[in-house]
């Protein structure tokens, strides 16, 4: 009984499921039919709208085509006008440039002629100035040669004075040694021998110079002043020192040793001693070849 009921229930369920599937299929078919109908309608609407738009575009094109043609003609005409104007401006620029170059050539020719005339006018003056400059240079060279000779003479005189003093010192030493020997009766000590070769140095020959610059000859004044030995200041020497100091004070631009010798008529060795004493007393200083009162 129960098995028959189960079979019966199963049959009902199968029938019910079949009816559900049939209904679902019919529902899907109906939806698809509606979708197809809507698609056809939409395509028809698209075709209609496309046709209307095409007709509208053709009408608009027919309406604006003459205007577009006029605008294109105006654009071409304007472009041609601009091209003509540009060509005219280029031609004007070329003409102005050519005129400017011609003016430059003309001005350069005038300036060249003016410069040549000015050169011809001032050339004699330049030649005279050059001749004067050469003459001045030659005068300076001659003056330098004279100064060199004076310095060489002064150095020679100074070396002669040094040699004489050393010879006198050697003679005095020899006399002193002889006196000591006579007193003590001892053996004679060798006296220092001073030769001219030890003191007197060869003086370079001064050759005339035409236009070459004369190198500065550094005098031995500074070395002689530095090596001058201490000496007793006598009344006459003190007077000379005072006069030399007053002379230097009256000449603030400085004075050279040679000028001092000529001014006071004093030998170089004596003037060296006077200057050294004044420098030791911080009354005189030397800058390059000049002496200044402090």
Protein backbone atom coordinates (compact mmCIF):
# COMPACT_ATOMS: atom_id res chain seq x y z
CA UNK A 1 0.00 0.00 0.00
CA UNK A 2 2.73 2.35 0.92
CA UNK A 3 4.79 1.41 -2.13
CA UNK A 4 1.90 2.20 -4.42
CA UNK A 5 1.43 5.53 -2.66
CA UNK A 6 5.09 6.38 -3.12
CA UNK A 7 4.89 5.56 -6.79
CA UNK A 8 1.80 7.67 -7.08
CA UNK A 9 3.45 10.58 -5.31
CA UNK A 10 6.51 10.23 -7.51
CA UNK A 11 4.34 10.31 -10.61
CA UNK A 12 2.63 13.47 -9.38
CA UNK A 13 5.97 15.11 -8.65
CA UNK A 14 7.25 14.18 -12.11
CA UNK A 15 4.11 15.59 -13.69
CA UNK A 16 4.36 18.71 -11.62
CA UNK A 17 8.00 19.16 -12.53
CA UNK A 18 7.20 18.66 -16.19
CA UNK A 19 4.49 21.28 -16.06
CA UNK A 20 6.93 23.68 -14.32
CA UNK A 21 9.53 23.13 -17.00
CA UNK A 22 6.95 23.62 -19.75
CA UNK A 23 5.74 26.84 -18.11
CA UNK A 24 9.29 28.08 -17.67
CA UNK A 25 10.06 27.29 -21.32
CA UNK A 26 6.96 29.08 -22.49
CA UNK A 27 7.86 32.04 -20.32
CA UNK A 28 11.38 32.17 -21.76
CA UNK A 29 10.03 31.87 -25.29
CA UNK A 30 7.65 34.74 -24.59
CA UNK A 31 10.48 36.89 -23.22
CA UNK A 32 12.64 36.09 -26.24
CA UNK A 33 9.77 37.00 -28.57
CA UNK A 34 9.35 40.30 -26.78
CA UNK A 35 13.14 40.89 -26.98
CA UNK A 36 13.17 40.15 -30.69
CA UNK A 37 10.20 42.47 -31.22
CA UNK A 38 11.92 45.23 -29.24
CA UNK A 39 15.14 44.68 -31.20
CA UNK A 40 13.31 44.92 -34.51
CA UNK A 41 11.55 48.03 -33.33
CA UNK A 42 14.81 49.58 -32.17
CA UNK A 43 16.52 48.74 -35.50
CA UNK A 44 13.63 50.25 -37.35
CA UNK A 45 13.84 53.35 -35.21
CA UNK A 46 17.61 53.50 -35.89
CA UNK A 47 17.02 53.21 -39.63
CA UNK A 48 14.37 55.89 -39.48
CA UNK A 49 16.54 58.20 -37.40
CA UNK A 50 19.52 57.53 -39.68
CA UNK A 51 17.44 58.35 -42.71
CA UNK A 52 16.15 61.52 -41.08
CA UNK A 53 19.65 62.55 -40.00
CA UNK A 54 21.02 61.81 -43.48
CA UNK A 55 18.30 63.92 -45.02
CA UNK A 56 18.94 66.70 -42.51
CA UNK A 57 22.70 66.61 -43.16
CA UNK A 58 22.16 66.68 -46.91
CA UNK A 59 19.80 69.60 -46.51
CA UNK A 60 22.26 71.42 -44.21
CA UNK A 61 25.13 70.71 -46.62
CA UNK A 62 23.09 71.99 -49.54
CA UNK A 63 22.27 75.10 -47.53
CA UNK A 64 25.82 75.88 -46.29
CA UNK A 65 27.78 74.66 -49.36
CA UNK A 66 27.63 78.05 -51.10
CA UNK A 67 28.70 79.74 -47.89
CA UNK A 68 31.61 77.28 -47.47
CA UNK A 69 32.59 77.96 -51.08
CA UNK A 70 32.52 81.71 -50.41
CA UNK A 71 34.57 81.26 -47.22
CA UNK A 72 37.15 79.13 -49.05
CA UNK A 73 37.39 81.69 -51.82
CA UNK A 74 37.85 84.44 -49.23
CA UNK A 75 40.53 82.37 -47.44
CA UNK A 76 42.41 81.78 -50.68
CA UNK A 77 42.13 85.46 -51.59
CA UNK A 78 43.36 86.50 -48.14
CA UNK A 79 46.27 84.05 -48.35
CA UNK A 80 47.24 85.43 -51.76
CA UNK A 81 47.03 88.97 -50.38
CA UNK A 82 49.23 88.03 -47.43
CA UNK A 83 51.74 86.36 -49.77
CA UNK A 84 51.88 89.50 -51.92
CA UNK A 85 52.32 91.65 -48.82
CA UNK A 86 55.10 89.38 -47.51
CA UNK A 87 56.87 89.50 -50.86
CA UNK A 88 56.61 93.29 -50.85
CA UNK A 89 58.04 93.45 -47.32
CA UNK A 90 60.88 91.08 -48.28
CA UNK A 91 61.65 93.23 -51.34
CA UNK A 92 61.61 96.35 -49.16
CA UNK A 93 63.97 94.71 -46.64
CA UNK A 94 66.31 93.66 -49.47
CA UNK A 95 66.30 97.18 -50.88
CA UNK A 96 66.92 98.73 -47.45
CA UNK A 97 69.74 96.24 -46.75
CA UNK A 98 71.34 97.00 -50.11
CA UNK A 99 71.06 100.73 -49.44
CA UNK A 100 72.52 100.25 -45.94
CA UNK A 101 75.45 98.24 -47.33
CA UNK A 102 76.05 100.90 -49.96
CA UNK A 103 75.98 103.57 -47.24
CA UNK A 104 78.43 101.50 -45.19
CA UNK A 105 80.78 101.19 -48.17
CA UNK A 106 80.51 104.90 -48.82
CA UNK A 107 81.10 105.77 -45.15
CA UNK A 108 84.04 103.33 -44.98
CA UNK A 109 85.58 104.90 -48.09
CA UNK A 110 85.13 108.39 -46.61
CA UNK A 111 86.57 107.27 -43.26
CA UNK A 112 89.52 105.61 -45.02
CA UNK A 113 90.21 108.78 -46.97
CA UNK A 114 89.91 110.86 -43.79
CA UNK A 115 92.25 108.54 -41.88
CA UNK A 116 94.77 108.64 -44.71
CA UNK A 117 94.58 112.43 -44.73
CA UNK A 118 94.97 112.57 -40.94
CA UNK A 119 97.91 110.17 -41.12
CA UNK A 120 99.56 112.22 -43.83
CA UNK A 121 98.99 115.35 -41.71
CA UNK A 122 100.37 113.95 -38.44
CA UNK A 123 103.08 111.72 -39.94
CA UNK A 124 105.74 114.47 -39.83
CA UNK A 125 104.80 115.20 -36.23
CA UNK A 126 105.09 111.52 -35.36
CA UNK A 127 108.47 111.39 -37.06
CA UNK A 128 109.61 114.44 -35.07
CA UNK A 129 108.31 112.93 -31.84
CA UNK A 130 110.10 109.67 -32.60
CA UNK A 131 113.31 111.56 -33.37
CA UNK A 132 112.94 113.50 -30.10
CA UNK A 133 112.31 110.25 -28.22
CA UNK A 134 115.42 108.68 -29.74
CA UNK A 135 117.42 111.79 -28.91
CA UNK A 136 116.16 111.73 -25.33
CA UNK A 137 116.99 108.03 -25.09
CA UNK A 138 120.49 108.70 -26.39
CA UNK A 139 120.86 111.58 -23.90
CA UNK A 140 119.75 109.30 -21.09
CA UNK A 141 122.24 106.66 -22.25
CA UNK A 142 125.02 109.24 -22.33
CA UNK A 143 124.01 110.52 -18.90
CA UNK A 144 123.98 106.94 -17.62
CA UNK A 145 127.44 106.39 -19.08
CA UNK A 146 128.67 109.56 -17.33
CA UNK A 147 127.14 108.40 -14.05
CA UNK A 148 128.72 104.97 -14.49
CA UNK A 149 132.09 106.59 -15.08
CA UNK A 150 131.61 108.74 -11.99
CA UNK A 151 130.69 105.71 -9.93
CA UNK A 152 133.62 103.74 -11.29
CA UNK A 153 135.91 106.67 -10.45
CA UNK A 154 134.43 106.92 -6.97
CA UNK A 155 134.80 103.19 -6.39
CA UNK A 156 138.36 103.32 -7.69
CA UNK A 157 139.15 106.24 -5.40
CA UNK A 158 137.57 104.46 -2.46
CA UNK A 159 139.58 101.30 -3.15
CA UNK A 160 142.75 103.39 -3.47
CA UNK A 161 142.02 104.97 -0.09
CA UNK A 162 141.45 101.52 1.43
CA UNK A 163 144.70 100.27 -0.10
CA UNK A 164 146.65 103.27 1.23
CA UNK A 165 145.19 102.82 4.70
CA UNK A 166 146.08 99.12 4.71
CA UNK A 167 149.60 99.91 3.49
CA UNK A 168 149.94 102.50 6.24
CA UNK A 169 148.60 99.98 8.76
CA UNK A 170 151.10 97.39 7.51
CA UNK A 171 153.95 99.90 7.82
CA UNK A 172 152.83 100.86 11.31
CA UNK A 173 152.60 97.18 12.23
CA UNK A 174 156.07 96.54 10.93
CA UNK A 175 157.46 99.49 12.90
CA UNK A 176 155.64 98.25 15.99
CA UNK A 177 157.09 94.77 15.58
CA UNK A 178 160.59 96.19 15.03
CA UNK A 179 160.28 98.30 18.15
CA UNK A 180 159.07 95.30 20.17
CA UNK A 181 161.99 93.20 18.90
CA UNK A 182 164.50 95.86 19.83
CA UNK A 183 163.01 96.02 23.30
CA UNK A 184 162.75 92.26 23.94
CA UNK A 185 165.55 91.09 21.67
CA UNK A 186 163.32 88.28 20.46
CA UNK A 187 162.88 86.74 17.02
CA UNK A 188 161.40 89.01 14.38
CA UNK A 189 157.73 88.34 13.70
CA UNK A 190 156.62 88.34 10.08
CA UNK A 191 154.86 91.54 9.17
CA UNK A 192 151.70 91.39 7.08
CA UNK A 193 152.40 92.08 3.45
CA UNK A 194 149.76 94.03 1.56
CA UNK A 195 149.89 93.96 -2.19
CA UNK A 196 147.90 95.97 -4.63
CA UNK A 197 146.30 92.80 -5.97
CA UNK A 198 144.69 92.15 -2.54
CA UNK A 199 142.95 95.51 -2.40
CA UNK A 200 142.57 96.94 -5.81
CA UNK A 201 140.08 95.05 -7.92
CA UNK A 202 139.98 95.34 -11.69
CA UNK A 203 137.47 97.90 -12.87
CA UNK A 204 135.36 96.81 -15.79
CA UNK A 205 135.81 98.92 -18.91
CA UNK A 206 132.76 101.06 -19.70
CA UNK A 207 131.79 100.55 -23.32
CA UNK A 208 129.60 103.11 -25.11
CA UNK A 209 126.02 102.01 -25.62
CA UNK A 210 123.92 103.30 -28.47
CA UNK A 211 120.25 102.48 -27.81
CA UNK A 212 120.35 99.49 -25.48
CA UNK A 213 118.91 100.07 -21.99
CA UNK A 214 121.63 100.59 -19.41
CA UNK A 215 121.48 98.13 -16.52
CA UNK A 216 121.59 99.68 -13.08
CA UNK A 217 125.06 99.54 -11.52
CA UNK A 218 124.71 99.02 -7.80
CA UNK A 219 127.32 101.15 -6.01
CA UNK A 220 129.41 99.92 -3.14
CA UNK A 221 128.28 102.87 -1.00
CA UNK A 222 126.06 100.74 1.19
CA UNK A 223 128.75 98.10 1.72
CA UNK A 224 131.37 100.77 2.42
CA UNK A 225 129.10 102.57 4.90
CA UNK A 226 128.27 99.28 6.65
CA UNK A 227 131.93 98.22 6.90
CA UNK A 228 133.33 101.61 7.95
CA UNK A 229 135.29 101.22 11.17
CA UNK A 230 134.52 103.34 14.27
CA UNK A 231 136.58 106.53 14.47
CA UNK A 232 137.08 109.44 16.79
CA UNK A 233 134.77 112.36 16.11
CA UNK A 234 136.89 115.52 16.04
CA UNK A 235 135.55 119.02 16.18
CA UNK A 236 136.02 119.50 12.44
CA UNK A 237 134.33 116.17 11.70
CA UNK A 238 131.42 117.04 13.99
CA UNK A 239 131.02 120.32 12.12
CA UNK A 240 131.00 118.44 8.80
CA UNK A 241 128.41 116.01 10.16
CA UNK A 242 126.18 118.88 11.24
CA UNK A 243 126.52 120.57 7.85
CA UNK A 244 125.77 117.33 5.98
CA UNK A 245 122.71 116.70 8.16
CA UNK A 246 121.43 120.27 7.61
CA UNK A 247 122.01 119.91 3.86
CA UNK A 248 120.02 116.65 3.75
CA UNK A 249 117.25 118.22 5.84
CA UNK A 250 117.04 121.08 3.30
CA UNK A 251 116.71 118.52 0.48
CA UNK A 252 113.76 116.30 1.43
CA UNK A 253 113.82 114.60 -1.99
CA UNK A 254 117.13 112.94 -1.04
CA UNK A 255 120.72 113.38 -2.17
CA UNK A 256 123.25 110.97 -3.64
CA UNK A 257 126.71 110.32 -2.26
CA UNK A 258 128.39 111.87 -5.31
CA UNK A 259 126.38 115.08 -4.88
CA UNK A 260 127.42 115.31 -1.21
CA UNK A 261 131.07 114.88 -2.15
CA UNK A 262 130.82 117.66 -4.75
CA UNK A 263 128.88 119.94 -2.40
CA UNK A 264 131.34 119.74 0.54
CA UNK A 265 134.56 118.84 -1.32
CA UNK A 266 135.13 115.86 0.97
CA UNK A 267 136.77 112.61 -0.16
CA UNK A 268 134.62 109.53 -0.48
CA UNK A 269 136.15 107.72 2.52
CA UNK A 270 135.55 110.70 4.79
CA UNK A 271 131.99 111.15 3.51
CA UNK A 272 131.33 107.44 4.08
CA UNK A 273 132.41 107.82 7.71
CA UNK A 274 130.22 110.92 8.17
CA UNK A 275 127.17 109.18 6.69
CA UNK A 276 127.77 106.06 8.79
CA UNK A 277 128.00 108.10 11.98
CA UNK A 278 124.75 109.94 11.11
CA UNK A 279 123.02 106.63 10.31
CA UNK A 280 124.24 105.14 13.62
CA UNK A 281 122.69 108.16 15.36
CA UNK A 282 119.39 107.52 13.46
CA UNK A 283 119.63 110.92 11.82
CA UNK A 284 120.03 109.69 8.24
CA UNK A 285 118.56 106.78 6.29
CA UNK A 286 119.25 105.40 2.83
CA UNK A 287 116.61 104.42 0.27
CA UNK A 288 118.02 102.90 -2.91
CA UNK A 289 120.76 105.37 -4.05
CA UNK A 290 119.52 108.38 -2.08
CA UNK A 291 120.19 109.58 1.49
CA UNK A 292 117.47 111.30 3.52
CA UNK A 293 117.46 113.18 6.82
CA UNK A 294 115.14 111.62 9.41
